[in-house]
Amino acid sequence: MDANRANEIVSADVFVNVNYHGIPVYIEDVYQNTAKVFPLDAIHNVQEVDVEGLNESGPISI
Protein backbone atom coordinates (compact mmCIF):
# COMPACT_ATOMS: atom_id res chain seq x y z
CA MET A 1 0.00 0.00 0.00
CA ASP A 2 1.18 3.57 -0.47
CA ALA A 3 0.88 6.46 1.99
CA ASN A 4 -1.89 8.18 -0.03
CA ARG A 5 -4.16 5.12 0.17
CA ALA A 6 -3.39 4.68 3.86
CA ASN A 7 -4.47 8.30 4.44
CA GLU A 8 -7.70 7.67 2.51
CA ILE A 9 -8.43 4.69 4.76
CA VAL A 10 -7.81 6.76 7.91
CA SER A 11 -10.30 9.35 6.62
CA ALA A 12 -12.88 6.83 5.36
CA ASP A 13 -16.43 6.74 6.72
CA VAL A 14 -16.35 2.93 6.78
CA PHE A 15 -14.01 0.50 8.47
CA VAL A 16 -11.60 -0.98 5.93
CA ASN A 17 -9.93 -4.32 6.65
CA VAL A 18 -6.18 -3.81 6.63
CA ASN A 19 -3.47 -6.34 7.44
CA TYR A 20 0.16 -5.82 8.30
CA HIS A 21 2.03 -8.93 7.21
CA GLY A 22 -1.15 -10.97 7.71
CA ILE A 23 -2.14 -9.44 11.07
CA PRO A 24 -5.40 -7.41 11.10
CA VAL A 25 -4.59 -3.84 12.16
CA TYR A 26 -6.22 -0.45 12.61
CA ILE A 27 -4.39 2.53 11.06
CA GLU A 28 -4.34 5.36 13.58
CA ASP A 29 -2.16 7.87 11.69
CA VAL A 30 0.02 8.08 8.59
CA TYR A 31 3.33 9.87 8.15
CA GLN A 32 5.45 9.97 4.97
CA ASN A 33 6.19 6.27 4.49
CA THR A 34 5.16 4.94 7.89
CA ALA A 35 1.90 4.44 9.72
CA LYS A 36 0.97 4.21 13.38
CA VAL A 37 -1.10 1.02 13.73
CA PHE A 38 -2.30 -1.40 16.35
CA PRO A 39 -3.42 -5.02 16.02
CA LEU A 40 -7.19 -5.40 16.39
CA ASP A 41 -6.68 -8.02 19.09
CA ALA A 42 -4.11 -5.94 21.04
CA ILE A 43 -5.19 -2.29 20.90
CA HIS A 44 -2.55 -1.21 23.43
CA ASN A 45 0.27 -2.51 21.20
CA VAL A 46 0.73 0.60 19.03
CA GLN A 47 3.54 0.32 16.49
CA GLU A 48 5.01 2.44 13.74
CA VAL A 49 5.34 0.35 10.58
CA ASP A 50 6.29 0.77 6.92
CA VAL A 51 3.17 1.45 4.81
CA GLU A 52 4.44 -0.96 2.14
CA GLY A 53 3.73 -3.82 4.58
CA LEU A 54 0.03 -2.86 4.79
CA ASN A 55 -2.51 -4.66 2.61
CA GLU A 56 -6.15 -3.73 2.14
CA SER A 57 -8.76 -6.49 2.05
CA GLY A 58 -11.89 -4.35 1.66
CA PRO A 59 -14.66 -2.84 3.81
CA ILE A 60 -16.58 -4.89 6.33
CA SER A 61 -20.35 -5.21 6.57
CA ILE A 62 -21.98 -3.85 9.67
PDB file of N, CA and C in Angstrom:
ATOM      1  N   MET A   1       0.858  -1.162   0.000  1.00  0.00           N
ATOM      2  CA  MET A   1       0.000   0.000   0.000  1.00  0.00           C
ATOM      3  C   MET A   1       0.908   1.231   0.000  1.00  0.00           C
ATOM      4  N   ASP A   2       0.411   2.337  -0.542  1.00  0.00           N
ATOM      5  CA  ASP A   2       1.179   3.570  -0.474  1.00  0.00           C
ATOM      6  C   ASP A   2       0.574   4.499   0.584  1.00  0.00           C
ATOM      7  N   ALA A   3       1.307   5.550   0.933  1.00  0.00           N
ATOM      8  CA  ALA A   3       0.883   6.461   1.989  1.00  0.00           C
ATOM      9  C   ALA A   3      -0.413   7.177   1.643  1.00  0.00           C
ATOM     10  N   ASN A   4      -0.639   7.499   0.360  1.00  0.00           N
ATOM     11  CA  ASN A   4      -1.885   8.177  -0.027  1.00  0.00           C
ATOM     12  C   ASN A   4      -3.101   7.302   0.258  1.00  0.00           C
ATOM     13  N   ARG A   5      -3.027   6.026  -0.091  1.00  0.00           N
ATOM     14  CA  ARG A   5      -4.155   5.121   0.167  1.00  0.00           C
ATOM     15  C   ARG A   5      -4.350   4.928   1.665  1.00  0.00           C
ATOM     16  N   ALA A   6      -3.275   4.821   2.412  1.00  0.00           N
ATOM     17  CA  ALA A   6      -3.387   4.681   3.857  1.00  0.00           C
ATOM     18  C   ALA A   6      -4.094   5.899   4.462  1.00  0.00           C
ATOM     19  N   ASN A   7      -3.783   7.090   3.978  1.00  0.00           N
ATOM     20  CA  ASN A   7      -4.469   8.303   4.442  1.00  0.00           C
ATOM     21  C   ASN A   7      -5.946   8.276   4.088  1.00  0.00           C
ATOM     22  N   GLU A   8      -6.285   7.785   2.906  1.00  0.00           N
ATOM     23  CA  GLU A   8      -7.698   7.667   2.513  1.00  0.00           C
ATOM     24  C   GLU A   8      -8.435   6.731   3.461  1.00  0.00           C
ATOM     25  N   ILE A   9      -7.803   5.646   3.846  1.00  0.00           N
ATOM     26  CA  ILE A   9      -8.428   4.686   4.756  1.00  0.00           C
ATOM     27  C   ILE A   9      -8.646   5.320   6.124  1.00  0.00           C
ATOM     28  N   VAL A  10      -7.664   6.075   6.614  1.00  0.00           N
ATOM     29  CA  VAL A  10      -7.808   6.756   7.909  1.00  0.00           C
ATOM     30  C   VAL A  10      -9.006   7.704   7.872  1.00  0.00           C
ATOM     31  N   SER A  11      -9.217   8.369   6.751  1.00  0.00           N
ATOM     32  CA  SER A  11     -10.303   9.353   6.615  1.00  0.00           C
ATOM     33  C   SER A  11     -11.640   8.743   6.192  1.00  0.00           C
ATOM     34  N   ALA A  12     -11.678   7.468   5.896  1.00  0.00           N
ATOM     35  CA  ALA A  12     -12.879   6.826   5.364  1.00  0.00           C
ATOM     36  C   ALA A  12     -14.013   6.798   6.392  1.00  0.00           C
ATOM     37  N   ASP A  13     -15.237   6.824   5.880  1.00  0.00           N
ATOM     38  CA  ASP A  13     -16.431   6.739   6.719  1.00  0.00           C
ATOM     39  C   ASP A  13     -16.773   5.305   7.103  1.00  0.00           C
ATOM     40  N   VAL A  14     -16.124   4.349   6.480  1.00  0.00           N
ATOM     41  CA  VAL A  14     -16.351   2.927   6.779  1.00  0.00           C
ATOM     42  C   VAL A  14     -15.053   2.303   7.262  1.00  0.00           C
ATOM     43  N   PHE A  15     -15.191   1.233   8.021  1.00  0.00           N
ATOM     44  CA  PHE A  15     -14.009   0.503   8.468  1.00  0.00           C
ATOM     45  C   PHE A  15     -13.499  -0.334   7.309  1.00  0.00           C
ATOM     46  N   VAL A  16     -12.219  -0.219   7.012  1.00  0.00           N
ATOM     47  CA  VAL A  16     -11.603  -0.980   5.926  1.00  0.00           C
ATOM     48  C   VAL A  16     -10.662  -2.006   6.553  1.00  0.00           C
ATOM     49  N   ASN A  17     -10.810  -3.263   6.151  1.00  0.00           N
ATOM     50  CA  ASN A  17      -9.928  -4.315   6.651  1.00  0.00           C
ATOM     51  C   ASN A  17      -8.533  -4.108   6.098  1.00  0.00           C
ATOM     52  N   VAL A  18      -7.577  -3.987   7.008  1.00  0.00           N
ATOM     53  CA  VAL A  18      -6.178  -3.809   6.631  1.00  0.00           C
ATOM     54  C   VAL A  18      -5.354  -4.800   7.443  1.00  0.00           C
ATOM     55  N   ASN A  19      -4.391  -5.420   6.783  1.00  0.00           N
ATOM     56  CA  ASN A  19      -3.474  -6.343   7.445  1.00  0.00           C
ATOM     57  C   ASN A  19      -2.061  -5.817   7.325  1.00  0.00           C
ATOM     58  N   TYR A  20      -1.269  -6.090   8.353  1.00  0.00           N
ATOM     59  CA  TYR A  20       0.160  -5.816   8.297  1.00  0.00           C
ATOM     60  C   TYR A  20       0.850  -7.168   8.396  1.00  0.00           C
ATOM     61  N   HIS A  21       1.409  -7.607   7.292  1.00  0.00           N
ATOM     62  CA  HIS A  21       2.032  -8.934   7.205  1.00  0.00           C
ATOM     63  C   HIS A  21       1.098 -10.014   7.753  1.00  0.00           C
ATOM     64  N   GLY A  22      -0.173  -9.946   7.346  1.00  0.00           N
ATOM     65  CA  GLY A  22      -1.148 -10.966   7.710  1.00  0.00           C
ATOM     66  C   GLY A  22      -1.880 -10.734   9.014  1.00  0.00           C
ATOM     67  N   ILE A  23      -1.502  -9.722   9.781  1.00  0.00           N
ATOM     68  CA  ILE A  23      -2.145  -9.436  11.067  1.00  0.00           C
ATOM     69  C   ILE A  23      -3.134  -8.287  10.875  1.00  0.00           C
ATOM     70  N   PRO A  24      -4.417  -8.488  11.228  1.00  0.00           N
ATOM     71  CA  PRO A  24      -5.400  -7.407  11.099  1.00  0.00           C
ATOM     72  C   PRO A  24      -5.031  -6.228  12.003  1.00  0.00           C
ATOM     73  N   VAL A  25      -4.973  -5.028  11.412  1.00  0.00           N
ATOM     74  CA  VAL A  25      -4.589  -3.836  12.164  1.00  0.00           C
ATOM     75  C   VAL A  25      -5.544  -2.683  11.883  1.00  0.00           C
ATOM     76  N   TYR A  26      -5.508  -1.708  12.771  1.00  0.00           N
ATOM     77  CA  TYR A  26      -6.218  -0.446  12.607  1.00  0.00           C
ATOM     78  C   TYR A  26      -5.161   0.629  12.381  1.00  0.00           C
ATOM     79  N   ILE A  27      -5.335   1.441  11.342  1.00  0.00           N
ATOM     80  CA  ILE A  27      -4.393   2.526  11.061  1.00  0.00           C
ATOM     81  C   ILE A  27      -4.853   3.750  11.839  1.00  0.00           C
ATOM     82  N   GLU A  28      -4.011   4.208  12.745  1.00  0.00           N
ATOM     83  CA  GLU A  28      -4.338   5.359  13.577  1.00  0.00           C
ATOM     84  C   GLU A  28      -3.885   6.673  12.936  1.00  0.00           C
ATOM     85  N   ASP A  29      -2.713   6.657  12.300  1.00  0.00           N
ATOM     86  CA  ASP A  29      -2.163   7.866  11.695  1.00  0.00           C
ATOM     87  C   ASP A  29      -1.156   7.462  10.626  1.00  0.00           C
ATOM     88  N   VAL A  30      -0.917   8.356   9.672  1.00  0.00           N
ATOM     89  CA  VAL A  30       0.024   8.078   8.592  1.00  0.00           C
ATOM     90  C   VAL A  30       1.002   9.236   8.493  1.00  0.00           C
ATOM     91  N   TYR A  31       2.271   8.891   8.356  1.00  0.00           N
ATOM     92  CA  TYR A  31       3.327   9.868   8.153  1.00  0.00           C
ATOM     93  C   TYR A  31       3.802   9.697   6.715  1.00  0.00           C
ATOM     94  N   GLN A  32       5.008  10.063   6.363  1.00  0.00           N
ATOM     95  CA  GLN A  32       5.445   9.973   4.971  1.00  0.00           C
ATOM     96  C   GLN A  32       5.393   8.549   4.435  1.00  0.00           C
ATOM     97  N   ASN A  33       6.178   7.655   4.961  1.00  0.00           N
ATOM     98  CA  ASN A  33       6.191   6.269   4.492  1.00  0.00           C
ATOM     99  C   ASN A  33       5.939   5.283   5.619  1.00  0.00           C
ATOM    100  N   THR A  34       5.465   5.796   6.745  1.00  0.00           N
ATOM    101  CA  THR A  34       5.164   4.936   7.885  1.00  0.00           C
ATOM    102  C   THR A  34       3.758   5.223   8.382  1.00  0.00           C
ATOM    103  N   ALA A  35       3.229   4.284   9.144  1.00  0.00           N
ATOM    104  CA  ALA A  35       1.901   4.443   9.721  1.00  0.00           C
ATOM    105  C   ALA A  35       1.926   3.975  11.165  1.00  0.00           C
ATOM    106  N   LYS A  36       1.153   4.644  12.009  1.00  0.00           N
ATOM    107  CA  LYS A  36       0.969   4.208  13.383  1.00  0.00           C
ATOM    108  C   LYS A  36      -0.242   3.282  13.378  1.00  0.00           C
ATOM    109  N   VAL A  37      -0.043   2.029  13.766  1.00  0.00           N
ATOM    110  CA  VAL A  37      -1.104   1.021  13.733  1.00  0.00           C
ATOM    111  C   VAL A  37      -1.135   0.257  15.046  1.00  0.00           C
ATOM    112  N   PHE A  38      -2.261  -0.437  15.263  1.00  0.00           N
ATOM    113  CA  PHE A  38      -2.299  -1.405  16.347  1.00  0.00           C
ATOM    114  C   PHE A  38      -3.096  -2.612  15.893  1.00  0.00           C
ATOM    115  N   PRO A  39      -2.682  -3.808  16.358  1.00  0.00           N
ATOM    116  CA  PRO A  39      -3.420  -5.018  16.018  1.00  0.00           C
ATOM    117  C   PRO A  39      -4.825  -4.948  16.619  1.00  0.00           C
ATOM    118  N   LEU A  40      -5.814  -5.454  15.897  1.00  0.00           N
ATOM    119  CA  LEU A  40      -7.191  -5.400  16.391  1.00  0.00           C
ATOM    120  C   LEU A  40      -7.388  -6.210  17.662  1.00  0.00           C
ATOM    121  N   ASP A  41      -6.542  -7.206  17.888  1.00  0.00           N
ATOM    122  CA  ASP A  41      -6.677  -8.018  19.094  1.00  0.00           C
ATOM    123  C   ASP A  41      -5.742  -7.575  20.221  1.00  0.00           C
ATOM    124  N   ALA A  42      -5.021  -6.466  20.022  1.00  0.00           N
ATOM    125  CA  ALA A  42      -4.107  -5.942  21.042  1.00  0.00           C
ATOM    126  C   ALA A  42      -4.017  -4.425  20.880  1.00  0.00           C
ATOM    127  N   ILE A  43      -5.100  -3.722  21.203  1.00  0.00           N
ATOM    128  CA  ILE A  43      -5.190  -2.292  20.902  1.00  0.00           C
ATOM    129  C   ILE A  43      -4.172  -1.438  21.646  1.00  0.00           C
ATOM    130  N   HIS A  44      -3.554  -1.971  22.689  1.00  0.00           N
ATOM    131  CA  HIS A  44      -2.549  -1.205  23.427  1.00  0.00           C
ATOM    132  C   HIS A  44      -1.148  -1.398  22.850  1.00  0.00           C
ATOM    133  N   ASN A  45      -1.026  -2.211  21.814  1.00  0.00           N
ATOM    134  CA  ASN A  45       0.266  -2.506  21.202  1.00  0.00           C
ATOM    135  C   ASN A  45       0.465  -1.644  19.955  1.00  0.00           C
ATOM    136  N   VAL A  46       0.571  -0.334  20.142  1.00  0.00           N
ATOM    137  CA  VAL A  46       0.730   0.602  19.030  1.00  0.00           C
ATOM    138  C   VAL A  46       2.151   0.494  18.489  1.00  0.00           C
ATOM    139  N   GLN A  47       2.243   0.450  17.153  1.00  0.00           N
ATOM    140  CA  GLN A  47       3.540   0.321  16.492  1.00  0.00           C
ATOM    141  C   GLN A  47       3.609   1.266  15.311  1.00  0.00           C
ATOM    142  N   GLU A  48       4.803   1.687  14.961  1.00  0.00           N
ATOM    143  CA  GLU A  48       5.013   2.444  13.735  1.00  0.00           C
ATOM    144  C   GLU A  48       5.608   1.474  12.722  1.00  0.00           C
ATOM    145  N   VAL A  49       4.941   1.342  11.573  1.00  0.00           N
ATOM    146  CA  VAL A  49       5.338   0.351  10.578  1.00  0.00           C
ATOM    147  C   VAL A  49       5.473   1.000   9.204  1.00  0.00           C
ATOM    148  N   ASP A  50       6.134   0.328   8.301  1.00  0.00           N
ATOM    149  CA  ASP A  50       6.292   0.767   6.917  1.00  0.00           C
ATOM    150  C   ASP A  50       4.965   0.560   6.181  1.00  0.00           C
ATOM    151  N   VAL A  51       4.457   1.578   5.500  1.00  0.00           N
ATOM    152  CA  VAL A  51       3.169   1.452   4.810  1.00  0.00           C
ATOM    153  C   VAL A  51       3.197   0.382   3.723  1.00  0.00           C
ATOM    154  N   GLU A  52       4.361   0.075   3.185  1.00  0.00           N
ATOM    155  CA  GLU A  52       4.439  -0.955   2.142  1.00  0.00           C
ATOM    156  C   GLU A  52       4.070  -2.341   2.664  1.00  0.00           C
ATOM    157  N   GLY A  53       4.120  -2.543   3.980  1.00  0.00           N
ATOM    158  CA  GLY A  53       3.733  -3.823   4.575  1.00  0.00           C
ATOM    159  C   GLY A  53       2.238  -3.936   4.819  1.00  0.00           C
ATOM    160  N   LEU A  54       1.485  -2.847   4.581  1.00  0.00           N
ATOM    161  CA  LEU A  54       0.029  -2.856   4.786  1.00  0.00           C
ATOM    162  C   LEU A  54      -0.671  -3.340   3.523  1.00  0.00           C
ATOM    163  N   ASN A  55      -1.705  -4.163   3.722  1.00  0.00           N
ATOM    164  CA  ASN A  55      -2.510  -4.661   2.607  1.00  0.00           C
ATOM    165  C   ASN A  55      -3.979  -4.478   2.934  1.00  0.00           C
ATOM    166  N   GLU A  56      -4.727  -3.968   1.985  1.00  0.00           N
ATOM    167  CA  GLU A  56      -6.151  -3.734   2.139  1.00  0.00           C
ATOM    168  C   GLU A  56      -6.921  -4.968   1.669  1.00  0.00           C
ATOM    169  N   SER A  57      -7.937  -5.359   2.458  1.00  0.00           N
ATOM    170  CA  SER A  57      -8.759  -6.488   2.047  1.00  0.00           C
ATOM    171  C   SER A  57     -10.230  -6.107   1.910  1.00  0.00           C
ATOM    172  N   GLY A  58     -10.540  -4.804   1.937  1.00  0.00           N
ATOM    173  CA  GLY A  58     -11.894  -4.349   1.660  1.00  0.00           C
ATOM    174  C   GLY A  58     -12.669  -3.939   2.883  1.00  0.00           C
ATOM    175  N   PRO A  59     -13.825  -3.281   2.684  1.00  0.00           N
ATOM    176  CA  PRO A  59     -14.660  -2.838   3.809  1.00  0.00           C
ATOM    177  C   PRO A  59     -15.403  -4.017   4.432  1.00  0.00           C
ATOM    178  N   ILE A  60     -15.800  -3.845   5.676  1.00  0.00           N
ATOM    179  CA  ILE A  60     -16.578  -4.894   6.332  1.00  0.00           C
ATOM    180  C   ILE A  60     -18.052  -4.503   6.311  1.00  0.00           C
ATOM    181  N   SER A  61     -18.913  -5.474   6.472  1.00  0.00           N
ATOM    182  CA  SER A  61     -20.346  -5.215   6.569  1.00  0.00           C
ATOM    183  C   SER A  61     -20.711  -5.053   8.029  1.00  0.00           C
ATOM    184  N   ILE A  62     -21.542  -4.064   8.296  1.00  0.00           N
ATOM    185  CA  ILE A  62     -21.978  -3.850   9.674  1.00  0.00           C
ATOM    186  C   ILE A  62     -23.466  -4.082   9.769  1.00  0.00           C
TER     187      ILE A  62
END
